Amino acid sequence: MEKTEHAFDKISPERLRELLKLPAILNSSLDMETVLHSTMNVANKIMRTEASSLLLLDEASNQLYFKSATGNKAQEVQQFKLKLGEGIAGWVAKMGRPLCVQDVEEDSRFTGEISDSIEFDTQSILCVPLKCKNKVIGVVEVINKENGGKFTDEDTTLLELFADQAAIAIDNAKWHGELNQENKQLRESLHQEMQLVGGSAAVKKIMKLVEKAAPTDSTILIRGESGTGKELLAQLIHQNSKRLHRPFVCVTCSILSDTLLESELFGHEKGAFTGAMNRKVGRFEMANRGTVFLDEIGTLNPSTQLRLLRILQEREFERVGGEETIKVDLRVIAATNENLETAIKEHRFREDLYYRLKVIEVFIPPLRERKEDIPTLTTYFLEKLSQQVGKKMTGVSDEAAQLMQDYDWPGNIRELKNSLERAVVLGNGEILVAEDLPPEISHKSGEAASSNGPIAVSLEDAEKNQIKDVLIQTNWNKSKAAKILQISRNRLDRKLKILEINKD
């Protein structure tokens, strides 16, 4: 701070006023080209020179390239590059300290090649390093004072202060650009991941519906058995909507008690109930301007159903224990594997909420009804899983393929994926063979098959087997197992208790 204040003492009030405008100008945009153009215009104005250049250092090649320039030869100069240490700019970048040359003809570091090539009469140069986090990222140079004047100590101090501000702005713009690029790549990757794999008529029908419904804000109800990919479809709809850059918030309605679920959805005020030590923002508030996905919607209690109905109608609610009305702009996508029509007859589900949710209804058929997609899904998952596990499996034997076609997959696509992961982890070759499949599919265990053909496995037993297999694969690392099973760690613990699964 003392050094900066001391530097300010050396600058005239007029030029200091111009310098103090610099942060606002440089930080008015995070676009690199805009920042650099602004940087050099400010440099010329403050330094009162015929030309100026900003060179950035490419660490890979150890070369400086002209990123921005001003003056009547600005376009021509940007085609050149300098090696680190070459010329005055190269020397400054290498040494990391400023250099003022009043007569370039008297300084051996001046090569003159660029000036001769563009027919520019360079007489004097003041060059300072651009540093960010104690690292040289480039240089700024100003050439020829107006009216043949000489560079002063004030000029050097001023340009150094200018370079400090410019380096920060350039680094911010560079970081922002890299972040945008990463986000773009991530969105492209997510878009590739979020596809319903398969060429069956059912998948094509769903994709056509997504194409029409996604760009709208209509509420969507997704129906299908457990493991068919309802959450994946909800993400796909979000990614193809106008809200794709906004939050996608997922809530599994069945995993929390009634009180905790209302708090999770709507938030609560401090002191709303025992243990509510602070205000909590709920999922609907978090999803403002985005999409909220309510999975297992059929398990909601009557009180929560009524509050949800109000959100769908008015887009407003109050936190638990609060009086402030909160308005939200969001899209609701719900999913269920329950028969809601039966639930309505049994007075477990509100009929008015049912019709509010099913503005657009999508049915995802179970895997046993779209078996033609099994080979495509198998190839897709094997490729992904081989990369994740780091173990190559490139194909499937005829026997294993036939067993997979004959099996009814009560756990649907989730069961298929977990079975394939088991095969990749435990398999011994590059080709998936019958022995690599779980016993209930391969019929290699008396528990899983009879001589009369495939045994009918209950959904509960299939789920239990899946969880046990994944826990064995992960050496009972519950966090890893939950990630593979695509459920929360808490939900996995509850499943272990309900299904009576333990390490022994």
Protein backbone atom coordinates (compact mmCIF):
# COMPACT_ATOMS: atom_id res chain seq x y z
CA MET A 1 0.00 0.00 0.00
CA GLU A 2 2.83 2.43 0.92
CA LYS A 3 4.55 1.73 -2.41
CA THR A 4 1.34 2.50 -4.33
CA GLU A 5 0.71 5.69 -2.37
CA HIS A 6 4.31 6.76 -2.96
CA ALA A 7 3.88 6.10 -6.69
CA PHE A 8 0.74 8.25 -6.78
CA ASP A 9 2.79 11.14 -5.35
CA LYS A 10 4.91 11.14 -8.51
CA ILE A 11 1.94 11.60 -10.88
CA SER A 12 0.32 14.89 -11.81
CA PRO A 13 -3.31 15.37 -10.67
CA GLU A 14 -4.53 15.50 -14.28
CA ARG A 15 -2.98 12.16 -15.25
CA LEU A 16 -3.91 10.64 -11.90
CA ARG A 17 -7.58 11.42 -12.60
CA GLU A 18 -7.29 9.56 -15.92
CA LEU A 19 -5.60 6.61 -14.19
CA LEU A 20 -8.31 6.37 -11.54
CA LYS A 21 -10.89 5.92 -14.29
CA LEU A 22 -9.05 2.81 -15.45
CA PRO A 23 -10.55 0.13 -13.14
CA ALA A 24 -14.10 1.04 -14.16
CA ILE A 25 -13.16 0.98 -17.86
CA LEU A 26 -11.22 -2.28 -17.66
CA ASN A 27 -13.86 -4.05 -15.58
CA SER A 28 -16.78 -2.93 -17.72
CA SER A 29 -16.55 -6.20 -19.67
CA LEU A 30 -15.30 -9.76 -19.20
CA ASP A 31 -14.81 -10.27 -22.93
CA MET A 32 -11.06 -10.53 -23.63
CA GLU A 33 -11.09 -8.59 -26.90
CA THR A 34 -13.14 -5.77 -25.41
CA VAL A 35 -10.83 -5.56 -22.38
CA LEU A 36 -7.71 -5.42 -24.52
CA HIS A 37 -9.13 -2.80 -26.88
CA SER A 38 -10.10 -0.65 -23.88
CA THR A 39 -6.69 -1.24 -22.29
CA MET A 40 -4.72 0.10 -25.23
CA ASN A 41 -6.99 3.08 -25.82
CA VAL A 42 -6.53 4.10 -22.19
CA ALA A 43 -2.76 3.57 -22.47
CA ASN A 44 -2.50 5.91 -25.46
CA LYS A 45 -4.62 8.55 -23.78
CA ILE A 46 -2.68 8.49 -20.52
CA MET A 47 0.80 8.14 -22.00
CA ARG A 48 0.29 10.52 -24.98
CA THR A 49 2.27 8.39 -27.42
CA GLU A 50 2.15 7.66 -31.17
CA ALA A 51 1.57 3.92 -30.75
CA SER A 52 1.23 1.21 -28.15
CA SER A 53 1.18 -2.58 -28.06
CA LEU A 54 0.15 -5.27 -25.66
CA LEU A 55 1.92 -8.61 -25.99
CA LEU A 56 0.86 -11.77 -24.16
CA LEU A 57 3.20 -14.62 -23.30
CA ASP A 58 2.43 -18.10 -24.62
CA GLU A 59 4.04 -20.37 -22.02
CA ALA A 60 3.94 -23.43 -24.26
CA SER A 61 6.11 -21.87 -26.97
CA ASN A 62 7.86 -19.20 -24.84
CA GLN A 63 6.82 -16.60 -27.39
CA LEU A 64 5.23 -13.18 -27.12
CA TYR A 65 2.47 -12.40 -29.56
CA PHE A 66 0.87 -9.04 -30.27
CA LYS A 67 -2.64 -9.32 -28.89
CA SER A 68 -3.64 -5.67 -29.26
CA ALA A 69 -2.12 -2.52 -30.69
CA THR A 70 -2.90 1.11 -31.52
CA GLY A 71 -1.42 3.57 -33.98
CA ASN A 72 -1.41 3.77 -37.77
CA LYS A 73 0.38 0.41 -38.08
CA ALA A 74 -1.78 -1.45 -35.55
CA GLN A 75 -3.03 -4.09 -37.99
CA GLU A 76 0.37 -4.84 -39.50
CA VAL A 77 2.18 -5.30 -36.20
CA GLN A 78 -0.20 -8.00 -34.93
CA GLN A 79 1.17 -10.59 -37.36
CA PHE A 80 4.56 -10.71 -35.58
CA LYS A 81 5.84 -12.82 -32.68
CA LEU A 82 8.89 -12.44 -30.44
CA LYS A 83 10.88 -15.11 -28.65
CA LEU A 84 11.25 -14.67 -24.90
CA GLY A 85 14.30 -12.42 -24.52
CA GLU A 86 14.15 -11.12 -28.11
CA GLY A 87 13.97 -7.35 -28.61
CA ILE A 88 13.10 -4.86 -25.90
CA ALA A 89 9.68 -6.39 -25.23
CA GLY A 90 11.21 -9.87 -25.02
CA TRP A 91 13.89 -8.64 -22.61
CA VAL A 92 11.27 -7.04 -20.31
CA ALA A 93 9.16 -10.23 -20.33
CA LYS A 94 12.20 -12.37 -19.50
CA MET A 95 13.65 -10.10 -16.80
CA GLY A 96 10.29 -9.05 -15.35
CA ARG A 97 11.21 -5.40 -14.91
CA PRO A 98 10.54 -2.15 -16.85
CA LEU A 99 12.83 -0.68 -19.46
CA CYS A 100 12.93 2.86 -20.87
CA VAL A 101 14.97 3.42 -24.05
CA GLN A 102 15.10 7.04 -25.15
CA ASP A 103 17.01 6.27 -28.38
CA VAL A 104 16.52 2.78 -29.74
CA GLU A 105 19.45 3.13 -32.15
CA GLU A 106 21.80 3.28 -29.18
CA ASP A 107 20.43 0.13 -27.51
CA SER A 108 21.64 -3.30 -28.66
CA ARG A 109 18.45 -4.96 -27.46
CA PHE A 110 16.44 -3.22 -30.18
CA THR A 111 16.36 -5.38 -33.33
CA GLY A 112 14.42 -3.06 -35.64
CA GLU A 113 13.06 -5.93 -37.75
CA ILE A 114 9.43 -5.24 -36.98
CA SER A 115 9.78 -1.48 -37.46
CA ASP A 116 11.53 -2.00 -40.81
CA SER A 117 8.94 -4.54 -41.97
CA ILE A 118 5.97 -2.24 -41.33
CA GLU A 119 7.88 0.94 -42.22
CA PHE A 120 7.40 2.59 -38.84
CA ASP A 121 9.99 4.99 -37.46
CA THR A 122 10.57 3.85 -33.88
CA GLN A 123 12.60 6.35 -31.88
CA SER A 124 11.93 5.58 -28.22
CA ILE A 125 10.22 2.79 -26.26
CA LEU A 126 8.92 2.46 -22.72
CA CYS A 127 8.02 -1.13 -21.84
CA VAL A 128 6.78 -2.65 -18.57
CA PRO A 129 5.84 -6.22 -17.63
CA LEU A 130 2.26 -7.39 -17.13
CA LYS A 131 2.28 -9.40 -13.91
CA CYS A 132 -0.47 -11.42 -12.30
CA LYS A 133 0.10 -13.30 -9.04
CA ASN A 134 3.86 -12.54 -9.29
CA LYS A 135 3.99 -14.15 -12.71
CA VAL A 136 4.74 -12.36 -15.99
CA ILE A 137 1.87 -12.87 -18.42
CA GLY A 138 3.01 -10.32 -21.04
CA VAL A 139 4.20 -6.75 -21.54
CA VAL A 140 2.82 -3.33 -22.44
CA GLU A 141 4.93 -1.01 -24.54
CA VAL A 142 4.38 2.58 -25.65
CA ILE A 143 6.33 4.03 -28.55
CA ASN A 144 7.43 7.57 -29.38
CA LYS A 145 6.16 10.37 -27.15
CA GLU A 146 4.02 12.92 -28.98
CA ASN A 147 5.90 15.93 -30.39
CA GLY A 148 9.26 14.15 -30.03
CA GLY A 149 9.33 14.36 -26.24
CA LYS A 150 11.21 12.03 -23.91
CA PHE A 151 9.81 9.51 -21.47
CA THR A 152 10.03 10.57 -17.83
CA ASP A 153 10.12 8.79 -14.49
CA GLU A 154 6.48 9.82 -14.12
CA ASP A 155 5.71 7.98 -17.39
CA THR A 156 7.37 4.82 -16.10
CA THR A 157 5.50 4.96 -12.78
CA LEU A 158 2.24 5.64 -14.57
CA LEU A 159 2.66 2.78 -17.03
CA GLU A 160 3.56 0.36 -14.21
CA LEU A 161 0.40 1.30 -12.31
CA PHE A 162 -1.55 0.97 -15.51
CA ALA A 163 -0.04 -2.47 -16.17
CA ASP A 164 -0.93 -3.69 -12.67
CA GLN A 165 -4.61 -2.86 -13.24
CA ALA A 166 -4.59 -4.17 -16.81
CA ALA A 167 -3.04 -7.50 -15.78
CA ILE A 168 -5.81 -8.14 -13.25
CA ALA A 169 -8.52 -7.28 -15.79
CA ILE A 170 -6.89 -9.49 -18.44
CA ASP A 171 -6.57 -12.40 -16.00
CA ASN A 172 -10.23 -12.02 -15.02
CA ALA A 173 -11.26 -11.97 -18.68
CA LYS A 174 -9.09 -15.00 -19.41
CA TRP A 175 -10.56 -16.89 -16.44
CA HIS A 176 -14.08 -15.93 -17.51
CA GLY A 177 -13.38 -17.11 -21.06
CA GLU A 178 -11.99 -20.43 -19.83
CA LEU A 179 -14.94 -20.86 -17.50
CA ASN A 180 -17.38 -20.21 -20.35
CA GLN A 181 -15.55 -22.74 -22.48
CA GLU A 182 -15.63 -25.32 -19.66
CA ASN A 183 -19.34 -24.66 -19.15
CA LYS A 184 -19.95 -25.06 -22.87
CA GLN A 185 -18.05 -28.36 -22.90
CA LEU A 186 -19.90 -29.49 -19.79
CA ARG A 187 -23.27 -28.65 -21.34
CA GLU A 188 -22.29 -30.53 -24.50
CA SER A 189 -21.16 -33.48 -22.39
CA LEU A 190 -24.39 -33.40 -20.38
CA HIS A 191 -26.38 -33.17 -23.59
CA GLN A 192 -24.63 -36.28 -24.88
CA GLU A 193 -25.16 -38.10 -21.55
CA MET A 194 -28.80 -37.08 -21.28
CA GLN A 195 -30.19 -39.10 -24.12
CA LEU A 196 -32.69 -41.90 -24.09
CA VAL A 197 -30.62 -44.61 -25.72
CA GLY A 198 -32.37 -46.89 -28.17
CA GLY A 199 -34.07 -46.96 -31.53
CA SER A 200 -37.35 -48.59 -30.59
CA ALA A 201 -40.67 -47.04 -31.57
CA ALA A 202 -41.31 -46.23 -27.89
CA VAL A 203 -38.07 -44.23 -27.55
CA LYS A 204 -38.69 -42.37 -30.80
CA LYS A 205 -42.19 -41.46 -29.63
CA ILE A 206 -40.85 -40.11 -26.32
CA MET A 207 -38.12 -38.08 -28.05
CA LYS A 208 -40.66 -36.53 -30.42
CA LEU A 209 -42.79 -35.54 -27.43
CA VAL A 210 -39.71 -34.05 -25.66
CA GLU A 211 -38.89 -32.04 -28.77
CA LYS A 212 -42.34 -30.43 -28.67
CA ALA A 213 -42.83 -30.09 -24.91
CA ALA A 214 -39.34 -29.09 -23.68
CA PRO A 215 -39.35 -25.48 -25.01
CA THR A 216 -42.63 -24.75 -23.20
CA ASP A 217 -43.26 -24.20 -19.47
CA SER A 218 -46.04 -26.80 -19.28
CA THR A 219 -46.07 -29.09 -16.25
CA ILE A 220 -45.10 -32.65 -17.16
CA LEU A 221 -45.92 -35.94 -15.43
CA ILE A 222 -43.53 -38.80 -16.21
CA ARG A 223 -44.81 -42.30 -15.48
CA GLY A 224 -42.98 -45.58 -15.48
CA GLU A 225 -41.62 -48.37 -13.34
CA SER A 226 -38.62 -47.90 -11.06
CA GLY A 227 -35.36 -47.82 -12.99
CA THR A 228 -36.79 -46.82 -16.38
CA GLY A 229 -35.01 -43.45 -16.44
CA LYS A 230 -37.62 -40.94 -15.29
CA GLU A 231 -35.07 -38.55 -13.75
CA LEU A 232 -32.91 -38.79 -16.88
CA LEU A 233 -35.91 -37.83 -18.99
CA ALA A 234 -36.65 -34.87 -16.68
CA GLN A 235 -33.04 -33.67 -17.06
CA LEU A 236 -33.29 -34.09 -20.82
CA ILE A 237 -36.42 -31.91 -20.88
CA HIS A 238 -34.67 -29.26 -18.75
CA GLN A 239 -31.57 -29.29 -20.95
CA ASN A 240 -33.71 -28.66 -24.03
CA SER A 241 -35.77 -25.88 -22.43
CA LYS A 242 -35.26 -22.13 -22.23
CA ARG A 243 -34.35 -22.67 -18.56
CA LEU A 244 -31.28 -24.83 -19.28
CA HIS A 245 -28.87 -22.27 -17.76
CA ARG A 246 -30.97 -22.10 -14.59
CA PRO A 247 -31.12 -24.58 -11.67
CA PHE A 248 -32.41 -28.13 -12.02
CA VAL A 249 -33.47 -29.15 -8.51
CA CYS A 250 -34.42 -32.76 -7.77
CA VAL A 251 -36.45 -33.94 -4.77
CA THR A 252 -37.29 -37.58 -4.03
CA CYS A 253 -40.54 -37.24 -2.11
CA SER A 254 -40.50 -40.70 -0.51
CA ILE A 255 -37.26 -40.48 1.47
CA LEU A 256 -38.23 -37.89 4.11
CA SER A 257 -40.82 -37.73 6.86
CA ASP A 258 -43.82 -35.45 6.29
CA THR A 259 -42.41 -32.61 8.44
CA LEU A 260 -38.93 -32.78 6.93
CA LEU A 261 -40.31 -33.01 3.40
CA GLU A 262 -42.33 -29.79 3.80
CA SER A 263 -39.25 -28.08 5.21
CA GLU A 264 -37.16 -29.44 2.31
CA LEU A 265 -39.65 -28.28 -0.31
CA PHE A 266 -40.83 -24.96 1.11
CA GLY A 267 -38.10 -24.05 3.58
CA HIS A 268 -38.73 -22.96 7.16
CA GLU A 269 -38.29 -20.00 9.46
CA LYS A 270 -36.13 -20.05 12.56
CA GLY A 271 -38.03 -21.69 15.42
CA ALA A 272 -40.72 -23.20 13.14
CA PHE A 273 -40.24 -26.56 14.89
CA THR A 274 -37.86 -28.27 17.28
CA GLY A 275 -34.38 -28.15 15.78
CA ALA A 276 -35.10 -25.28 13.38
CA MET A 277 -32.19 -23.18 14.59
CA ASN A 278 -31.96 -21.00 11.45
CA ARG A 279 -34.01 -20.00 8.44
CA LYS A 280 -33.82 -22.57 5.64
CA VAL A 281 -34.40 -21.90 1.94
CA GLY A 282 -36.51 -24.66 0.37
CA ARG A 283 -36.08 -26.46 -2.94
CA PHE A 284 -38.82 -24.48 -4.68
CA GLU A 285 -37.06 -21.25 -3.78
CA MET A 286 -33.72 -22.68 -4.90
CA ALA A 287 -35.26 -23.66 -8.25
CA ASN A 288 -36.54 -20.14 -8.98
CA ARG A 289 -36.31 -19.44 -12.74
CA GLY A 290 -35.35 -23.07 -13.28
CA THR A 291 -36.94 -26.52 -13.04
CA VAL A 292 -37.93 -28.59 -10.01
CA PHE A 293 -38.25 -32.35 -10.43
CA LEU A 294 -40.48 -34.13 -7.92
CA ASP A 295 -39.79 -37.86 -8.02
CA GLU A 296 -42.17 -40.41 -6.45
CA ILE A 297 -44.91 -37.77 -6.30
CA GLY A 298 -47.51 -40.39 -5.34
CA THR A 299 -46.08 -40.64 -1.82
CA LEU A 300 -46.94 -37.03 -0.84
CA ASN A 301 -49.17 -36.59 2.19
CA PRO A 302 -52.48 -34.66 1.83
CA SER A 303 -51.12 -31.47 3.44
CA THR A 304 -48.12 -31.29 1.09
CA GLN A 305 -50.34 -32.11 -1.88
CA LEU A 306 -52.50 -29.08 -1.07
CA ARG A 307 -49.46 -26.78 -0.80
CA LEU A 308 -48.10 -28.15 -4.07
CA LEU A 309 -51.45 -27.48 -5.75
CA ARG A 310 -51.17 -23.82 -4.74
CA ILE A 311 -47.67 -23.59 -6.23
CA LEU A 312 -48.91 -25.02 -9.51
CA GLN A 313 -51.85 -22.61 -9.57
CA GLU A 314 -50.35 -19.41 -8.14
CA ARG A 315 -46.57 -19.97 -8.13
CA GLU A 316 -46.42 -18.82 -4.51
CA PHE A 317 -46.04 -20.29 -1.01
CA GLU A 318 -44.93 -19.53 2.54
CA ARG A 319 -42.06 -21.15 4.39
CA VAL A 320 -42.99 -23.51 7.22
CA GLY A 321 -43.65 -21.29 10.24
CA GLY A 322 -43.53 -18.12 8.14
CA GLU A 323 -46.00 -15.48 6.99
CA GLU A 324 -44.11 -13.94 4.06
CA THR A 325 -45.52 -15.00 0.69
CA ILE A 326 -42.74 -16.02 -1.69
CA LYS A 327 -43.36 -15.94 -5.43
CA VAL A 328 -41.36 -18.18 -7.75
CA ASP A 329 -40.97 -18.61 -11.50
CA LEU A 330 -40.35 -22.28 -12.13
CA ARG A 331 -41.32 -25.30 -14.14
CA VAL A 332 -42.53 -28.45 -12.38
CA ILE A 333 -41.80 -31.94 -13.67
CA ALA A 334 -43.18 -34.80 -11.57
CA ALA A 335 -42.66 -38.54 -11.79
CA THR A 336 -44.27 -41.61 -10.28
CA ASN A 337 -44.22 -45.38 -10.54
CA GLU A 338 -47.57 -45.62 -8.73
CA ASN A 339 -51.02 -45.98 -10.22
CA LEU A 340 -52.35 -42.51 -9.40
CA GLU A 341 -55.83 -43.37 -10.64
CA THR A 342 -56.08 -46.08 -8.00
CA ALA A 343 -54.64 -43.70 -5.40
CA ILE A 344 -57.39 -41.18 -6.24
CA LYS A 345 -60.10 -43.84 -5.78
CA GLU A 346 -58.58 -44.77 -2.44
CA HIS A 347 -58.49 -41.06 -1.46
CA ARG A 348 -54.70 -41.07 -1.14
CA PHE A 349 -54.12 -38.57 -3.93
CA ARG A 350 -55.99 -35.38 -4.81
CA GLU A 351 -57.80 -35.51 -8.14
CA ASP A 352 -57.36 -31.75 -8.74
CA LEU A 353 -53.58 -32.09 -8.21
CA TYR A 354 -53.51 -35.08 -10.56
CA TYR A 355 -54.98 -33.01 -13.40
CA ARG A 356 -52.68 -30.08 -12.63
CA LEU A 357 -49.66 -32.36 -12.91
CA LYS A 358 -50.63 -34.23 -16.06
CA VAL A 359 -50.84 -31.28 -18.45
CA ILE A 360 -48.44 -33.34 -20.52
CA GLU A 361 -48.10 -37.01 -19.63
CA VAL A 362 -45.19 -39.21 -20.70
CA PHE A 363 -45.10 -42.97 -20.26
CA ILE A 364 -41.70 -44.69 -20.24
CA PRO A 365 -42.25 -48.37 -20.99
CA PRO A 366 -40.38 -51.02 -18.96
CA LEU A 367 -37.36 -52.63 -20.57
CA ARG A 368 -39.21 -55.92 -21.07
CA GLU A 369 -41.50 -54.06 -23.50
CA ARG A 370 -38.63 -52.57 -25.51
CA LYS A 371 -36.17 -55.45 -25.63
CA GLU A 372 -34.99 -54.41 -29.08
CA ASP A 373 -33.12 -51.61 -27.26
CA ILE A 374 -31.09 -53.99 -25.07
CA PRO A 375 -28.17 -54.47 -27.55
CA THR A 376 -27.87 -50.69 -28.07
CA LEU A 377 -28.08 -50.00 -24.34
CA THR A 378 -25.51 -52.72 -23.65
CA THR A 379 -23.00 -51.27 -26.12
CA TYR A 380 -23.57 -47.76 -24.73
CA PHE A 381 -23.12 -48.77 -21.09
CA LEU A 382 -20.13 -51.03 -21.72
CA GLU A 383 -18.30 -48.16 -23.42
CA LYS A 384 -19.06 -45.75 -20.57
CA LEU A 385 -18.33 -48.25 -17.80
CA SER A 386 -15.09 -49.41 -19.38
CA GLN A 387 -13.86 -45.81 -19.29
CA GLN A 388 -15.00 -45.28 -15.70
CA VAL A 389 -13.59 -48.53 -14.33
CA GLY A 390 -10.47 -48.45 -16.51
CA LYS A 391 -11.03 -51.97 -17.77
CA LYS A 392 -11.81 -52.71 -21.38
CA MET A 393 -14.83 -54.79 -22.37
CA THR A 394 -15.64 -54.50 -26.05
CA GLY A 395 -18.40 -56.97 -26.78
CA VAL A 396 -20.87 -59.63 -25.66
CA SER A 397 -20.87 -63.35 -26.39
CA ASP A 398 -23.87 -64.81 -28.23
CA GLU A 399 -24.88 -66.83 -25.15
CA ALA A 400 -24.75 -63.78 -22.85
CA ALA A 401 -26.66 -61.68 -25.38
CA GLN A 402 -29.41 -64.28 -25.59
CA LEU A 403 -29.65 -64.54 -21.79
CA MET A 404 -30.02 -60.76 -21.58
CA GLN A 405 -32.79 -60.86 -24.20
CA ASP A 406 -34.63 -63.64 -22.35
CA TYR A 407 -34.49 -61.92 -18.96
CA ASP A 408 -37.41 -59.64 -18.03
CA TRP A 409 -35.34 -56.99 -16.15
CA PRO A 410 -37.65 -56.17 -13.21
CA GLY A 411 -35.22 -53.38 -12.24
CA ASN A 412 -35.28 -52.07 -15.83
CA ILE A 413 -32.41 -49.98 -17.21
CA ARG A 414 -30.93 -49.36 -13.76
CA GLU A 415 -30.66 -53.12 -13.26
CA LEU A 416 -29.16 -53.55 -16.73
CA LYS A 417 -26.53 -50.88 -16.05
CA ASN A 418 -25.63 -52.33 -12.64
CA SER A 419 -25.42 -55.84 -14.09
CA LEU A 420 -23.07 -54.60 -16.79
CA GLU A 421 -20.95 -52.75 -14.25
CA ARG A 422 -20.66 -55.98 -12.29
CA ALA A 423 -19.55 -57.74 -15.48
CA VAL A 424 -16.93 -55.09 -16.26
CA VAL A 425 -15.54 -55.14 -12.71
CA LEU A 426 -15.55 -58.91 -12.17
CA GLY A 427 -15.13 -60.14 -15.75
CA ASN A 428 -11.82 -61.65 -16.90
CA GLY A 429 -11.87 -60.86 -20.60
CA GLU A 430 -12.72 -58.25 -23.19
CA ILE A 431 -15.90 -60.13 -24.14
CA LEU A 432 -18.81 -60.30 -21.71
CA VAL A 433 -19.72 -63.96 -21.23
CA ALA A 434 -22.63 -65.63 -19.44
CA GLU A 435 -20.54 -66.23 -16.29
CA ASP A 436 -20.03 -62.46 -15.93
CA LEU A 437 -23.76 -61.84 -15.51
CA PRO A 438 -25.56 -61.98 -12.12
CA PRO A 439 -26.91 -65.44 -11.19
CA GLU A 440 -30.56 -64.50 -11.72
CA ILE A 441 -29.73 -63.75 -15.37
CA SER A 442 -27.09 -66.37 -16.13
CA HIS A 443 -28.92 -69.23 -14.31
CA LYS A 444 -25.59 -70.35 -12.88
CA SER A 445 -26.98 -70.57 -9.37
CA GLY A 446 -29.63 -72.93 -8.02
CA GLU A 447 -31.08 -69.96 -6.14
CA ALA A 448 -31.62 -68.02 -9.30
CA ALA A 449 -32.91 -70.62 -11.75
CA SER A 450 -34.67 -73.89 -12.24
CA SER A 451 -34.36 -76.42 -15.02
CA ASN A 452 -37.69 -75.21 -16.41
CA GLY A 453 -36.26 -71.82 -17.43
CA PRO A 454 -35.80 -68.37 -15.95
CA ILE A 455 -37.07 -67.99 -12.42
CA ALA A 456 -39.50 -65.19 -11.63
CA VAL A 457 -37.60 -62.80 -9.37
CA SER A 458 -39.60 -60.32 -7.30
CA LEU A 459 -38.80 -56.64 -7.65
CA GLU A 460 -37.71 -56.56 -3.99
CA ASP A 461 -35.33 -59.50 -4.48
CA ALA A 462 -33.92 -57.96 -7.67
CA GLU A 463 -33.30 -54.67 -5.84
CA LYS A 464 -31.72 -56.52 -2.93
CA ASN A 465 -29.40 -58.42 -5.27
CA GLN A 466 -28.44 -55.22 -7.07
CA ILE A 467 -27.52 -53.45 -3.85
CA LYS A 468 -25.57 -56.46 -2.53
CA ASP A 469 -23.63 -56.79 -5.79
CA VAL A 470 -22.67 -53.11 -5.85
CA LEU A 471 -21.62 -53.16 -2.18
CA ILE A 472 -19.39 -56.16 -2.88
CA GLN A 473 -17.92 -54.38 -5.91
CA THR A 474 -17.10 -51.31 -3.83
CA ASN A 475 -15.82 -53.29 -0.84
CA TRP A 476 -18.75 -51.93 1.19
CA ASN A 477 -17.90 -48.31 0.51
CA LYS A 478 -21.43 -46.97 0.95
CA SER A 479 -20.71 -43.56 -0.59
CA LYS A 480 -19.37 -45.16 -3.80
CA ALA A 481 -22.20 -47.68 -3.83
CA ALA A 482 -24.82 -44.93 -3.48
CA LYS A 483 -23.22 -43.05 -6.38
CA ILE A 484 -23.30 -46.15 -8.61
CA LEU A 485 -26.91 -46.86 -7.62
CA GLN A 486 -27.78 -43.19 -8.26
CA ILE A 487 -29.38 -42.70 -4.85
CA SER A 488 -28.40 -40.67 -1.78
CA ARG A 489 -26.26 -42.16 0.98
CA ASN A 490 -29.15 -41.73 3.44
CA ARG A 491 -31.52 -43.53 1.11
CA LEU A 492 -29.05 -46.39 0.75
CA ASP A 493 -28.85 -46.73 4.54
CA ARG A 494 -32.63 -46.92 4.71
CA LYS A 495 -32.69 -49.54 1.94
CA LEU A 496 -30.14 -51.65 3.84
CA LYS A 497 -32.33 -51.54 6.93
CA ILE A 498 -35.60 -52.25 5.09
CA LEU A 499 -34.14 -55.08 2.98
CA GLU A 500 -32.15 -56.44 5.94
CA ILE A 501 -28.84 -56.29 4.13
CA ASN A 502 -25.69 -56.37 6.28
CA LYS A 503 -22.04 -57.08 5.71
CA ASP A 504 -22.21 -60.45 7.47
